[in-house]
Amino acid sequence: MKYHNTKVTINGHTFDSKLEAWYYVKLTQDKTVEKIELHPKYELLATFTKNGKKFQKITYIADFKVFYKDGRVDVIDCKGVETEVFRIKRKLFEARYPDYTIRCITKKEMLQRKS
């Protein structure tokens, strides 16, 4: 669920918020970035059945997966508000994908960098 966000389209890509669109533009201007993957999906928990009940898989969709020329990879999420659901998914992500860390970009950071 997105909170009071306005969808923004840039270069044919629609973003869920102004913050996400702003960060995309920032990434495209960064000469150290080799490739940007939009909305990569990560499986946090596979589908399973217990006592005859089927439980759906849990996925996390980041805003960006950024590949840098020096070999670094960042998983980026642009958040105006960190929800409890996000905090739980972050913990599951960190446990399942130890080679990656989620970096949160906040509205506060956007406002500071614009000035």
C-alpha atoms as a PDB file:
ATOM      1  CA  MET A   1       0.000   0.000   0.000  1.00  0.00           C
ATOM      2  CA  LYS A   2       1.333   3.399  -0.970  1.00  0.00           C
ATOM      3  CA  TYR A   3       0.553   6.361   1.245  1.00  0.00           C
ATOM      4  CA  HIS A   4      -0.505   9.611  -0.469  1.00  0.00           C
ATOM      5  CA  ASN A   5       1.875   9.056  -3.379  1.00  0.00           C
ATOM      6  CA  THR A   6       1.608  10.403  -6.895  1.00  0.00           C
ATOM      7  CA  LYS A   7       2.610   8.134  -9.769  1.00  0.00           C
ATOM      8  CA  VAL A   8       5.267   9.641 -12.029  1.00  0.00           C
ATOM      9  CA  THR A   9       6.329   8.488 -15.507  1.00  0.00           C
ATOM     10  CA  ILE A  10       9.894   9.080 -16.717  1.00  0.00           C
ATOM     11  CA  ASN A  11      11.422   7.626 -19.894  1.00  0.00           C
ATOM     12  CA  GLY A  12       8.447   5.279 -20.255  1.00  0.00           C
ATOM     13  CA  HIS A  13       8.801   3.907 -16.723  1.00  0.00           C
ATOM     14  CA  THR A  14       6.019   4.548 -14.209  1.00  0.00           C
ATOM     15  CA  PHE A  15       7.105   4.963 -10.613  1.00  0.00           C
ATOM     16  CA  ASP A  16       4.861   4.721  -7.546  1.00  0.00           C
ATOM     17  CA  SER A  17       6.063   7.992  -6.033  1.00  0.00           C
ATOM     18  CA  LYS A  18       7.912  11.224  -6.694  1.00  0.00           C
ATOM     19  CA  LEU A  19      10.650   9.969  -4.385  1.00  0.00           C
ATOM     20  CA  GLU A  20      11.158   6.800  -6.432  1.00  0.00           C
ATOM     21  CA  ALA A  21      11.174   8.811  -9.701  1.00  0.00           C
ATOM     22  CA  TRP A  22      13.644  11.330  -8.226  1.00  0.00           C
ATOM     23  CA  TYR A  23      16.004   8.551  -7.169  1.00  0.00           C
ATOM     24  CA  TYR A  24      15.757   6.881 -10.597  1.00  0.00           C
ATOM     25  CA  VAL A  25      16.848  10.137 -12.258  1.00  0.00           C
ATOM     26  CA  LYS A  26      19.689  10.437  -9.742  1.00  0.00           C
ATOM     27  CA  LEU A  27      20.838   6.878 -10.567  1.00  0.00           C
ATOM     28  CA  THR A  28      20.718   7.487 -14.328  1.00  0.00           C
ATOM     29  CA  GLN A  29      23.013  10.486 -13.872  1.00  0.00           C
ATOM     30  CA  ASP A  30      25.526   8.567 -11.732  1.00  0.00           C
ATOM     31  CA  LYS A  31      28.529   7.689 -13.925  1.00  0.00           C
ATOM     32  CA  THR A  32      29.507   4.829 -11.570  1.00  0.00           C
ATOM     33  CA  VAL A  33      26.234   2.971 -12.286  1.00  0.00           C
ATOM     34  CA  GLU A  34      26.484   0.249 -14.933  1.00  0.00           C
ATOM     35  CA  LYS A  35      22.910  -1.083 -14.875  1.00  0.00           C
ATOM     36  CA  ILE A  36      19.613  -0.399 -13.078  1.00  0.00           C
ATOM     37  CA  GLU A  37      17.042  -3.149 -12.640  1.00  0.00           C
ATOM     38  CA  LEU A  38      13.542  -1.834 -11.886  1.00  0.00           C
ATOM     39  CA  HIS A  39      11.304  -3.577  -9.341  1.00  0.00           C
ATOM     40  CA  PRO A  40      13.320  -6.780  -8.829  1.00  0.00           C
ATOM     41  CA  LYS A  41      11.413  -9.541  -7.024  1.00  0.00           C
ATOM     42  CA  TYR A  42      12.830 -11.674  -4.239  1.00  0.00           C
ATOM     43  CA  GLU A  43      11.202 -14.764  -2.792  1.00  0.00           C
ATOM     44  CA  LEU A  44      11.314 -14.551   0.993  1.00  0.00           C
ATOM     45  CA  LEU A  45       9.353 -17.695   1.799  1.00  0.00           C
ATOM     46  CA  ALA A  46       8.305 -20.438  -0.611  1.00  0.00           C
ATOM     47  CA  THR A  47       4.745 -21.717  -0.884  1.00  0.00           C
ATOM     48  CA  PHE A  48       4.109 -24.543   1.575  1.00  0.00           C
ATOM     49  CA  THR A  49       1.326 -26.750   2.871  1.00  0.00           C
ATOM     50  CA  LYS A  50       0.734 -27.520   6.534  1.00  0.00           C
ATOM     51  CA  ASN A  51      -2.136 -29.516   8.034  1.00  0.00           C
ATOM     52  CA  GLY A  52      -3.877 -29.495   4.663  1.00  0.00           C
ATOM     53  CA  LYS A  53      -3.739 -25.701   4.330  1.00  0.00           C
ATOM     54  CA  LYS A  54      -1.729 -24.117   1.529  1.00  0.00           C
ATOM     55  CA  PHE A  55       0.243 -20.984   2.422  1.00  0.00           C
ATOM     56  CA  GLN A  56       1.169 -18.596  -0.390  1.00  0.00           C
ATOM     57  CA  LYS A  57       4.757 -17.566  -0.921  1.00  0.00           C
ATOM     58  CA  ILE A  58       5.952 -14.238   0.432  1.00  0.00           C
ATOM     59  CA  THR A  59       7.798 -11.960  -1.964  1.00  0.00           C
ATOM     60  CA  TYR A  60       9.521  -8.646  -1.615  1.00  0.00           C
ATOM     61  CA  ILE A  61       9.690  -6.214  -4.523  1.00  0.00           C
ATOM     62  CA  ALA A  62      12.423  -3.613  -4.212  1.00  0.00           C
ATOM     63  CA  ASP A  63      12.377  -0.373  -6.157  1.00  0.00           C
ATOM     64  CA  PHE A  64      15.818  -0.850  -7.717  1.00  0.00           C
ATOM     65  CA  LYS A  65      18.717  -3.256  -7.976  1.00  0.00           C
ATOM     66  CA  VAL A  66      21.749  -1.199  -8.931  1.00  0.00           C
ATOM     67  CA  PHE A  67      24.901  -2.661 -10.449  1.00  0.00           C
ATOM     68  CA  TYR A  68      28.009  -0.463 -10.191  1.00  0.00           C
ATOM     69  CA  LYS A  69      31.063  -0.560 -12.437  1.00  0.00           C
ATOM     70  CA  ASP A  70      33.253  -1.559  -9.465  1.00  0.00           C
ATOM     71  CA  GLY A  71      31.189  -4.732  -8.908  1.00  0.00           C
ATOM     72  CA  ARG A  72      29.023  -3.484  -6.022  1.00  0.00           C
ATOM     73  CA  VAL A  73      25.313  -4.215  -6.049  1.00  0.00           C
ATOM     74  CA  ASP A  74      22.718  -2.251  -4.063  1.00  0.00           C
ATOM     75  CA  VAL A  75      19.096  -3.158  -3.425  1.00  0.00           C
ATOM     76  CA  ILE A  76      17.239   0.130  -3.003  1.00  0.00           C
ATOM     77  CA  ASP A  77      13.829   0.881  -1.544  1.00  0.00           C
ATOM     78  CA  CYS A  78      12.426   4.407  -1.520  1.00  0.00           C
ATOM     79  CA  LYS A  79      10.270   4.860   1.569  1.00  0.00           C
ATOM     80  CA  GLY A  80       8.301   7.781   2.867  1.00  0.00           C
ATOM     81  CA  VAL A  81       7.168   5.619   5.782  1.00  0.00           C
ATOM     82  CA  GLU A  82       8.694   2.378   7.084  1.00  0.00           C
ATOM     83  CA  THR A  83       5.723   0.140   7.773  1.00  0.00           C
ATOM     84  CA  GLU A  84       5.708  -2.869  10.075  1.00  0.00           C
ATOM     85  CA  VAL A  85       5.227  -5.118   7.018  1.00  0.00           C
ATOM     86  CA  PHE A  86       8.353  -3.619   5.441  1.00  0.00           C
ATOM     87  CA  ARG A  87      10.378  -4.138   8.625  1.00  0.00           C
ATOM     88  CA  ILE A  88       9.383  -7.817   8.711  1.00  0.00           C
ATOM     89  CA  LYS A  89      10.132  -8.305   5.008  1.00  0.00           C
ATOM     90  CA  ARG A  90      13.494  -6.592   5.468  1.00  0.00           C
ATOM     91  CA  LYS A  91      14.432  -9.093   8.198  1.00  0.00           C
ATOM     92  CA  LEU A  92      13.371 -12.018   6.018  1.00  0.00           C
ATOM     93  CA  PHE A  93      15.304 -10.546   3.074  1.00  0.00           C
ATOM     94  CA  GLU A  94      18.458 -10.017   5.128  1.00  0.00           C
ATOM     95  CA  ALA A  95      18.333 -13.642   6.355  1.00  0.00           C
ATOM     96  CA  ARG A  96      17.627 -15.138   2.920  1.00  0.00           C
ATOM     97  CA  TYR A  97      19.998 -12.963   0.883  1.00  0.00           C
ATOM     98  CA  PRO A  98      23.122 -12.430   3.028  1.00  0.00           C
ATOM     99  CA  ASP A  99      25.116 -10.980   0.095  1.00  0.00           C
ATOM    100  CA  TYR A 100      22.673  -8.064  -0.284  1.00  0.00           C
ATOM    101  CA  THR A 101      21.503  -5.325   2.037  1.00  0.00           C
ATOM    102  CA  ILE A 102      18.463  -3.135   1.498  1.00  0.00           C
ATOM    103  CA  ARG A 103      19.272   0.570   1.423  1.00  0.00           C
ATOM    104  CA  CYS A 104      16.322   2.809   2.226  1.00  0.00           C
ATOM    105  CA  ILE A 105      16.109   6.192   0.562  1.00  0.00           C
ATOM    106  CA  THR A 106      13.819   8.547   2.460  1.00  0.00           C
ATOM    107  CA  LYS A 107      11.879  11.658   1.554  1.00  0.00           C
ATOM    108  CA  LYS A 108      14.070  13.547   4.051  1.00  0.00           C
ATOM    109  CA  GLU A 109      17.166  12.558   2.052  1.00  0.00           C
ATOM    110  CA  MET A 110      15.525  13.742  -1.173  1.00  0.00           C
ATOM    111  CA  LEU A 111      14.663  17.120   0.343  1.00  0.00           C
ATOM    112  CA  GLN A 112      18.192  17.564   1.745  1.00  0.00           C
ATOM    113  CA  ARG A 113      19.832  16.781  -1.596  1.00  0.00           C
ATOM    114  CA  LYS A 114      17.544  19.089  -3.561  1.00  0.00           C
ATOM    115  CA  SER A 115      18.557  22.106  -1.483  1.00  0.00           C
END
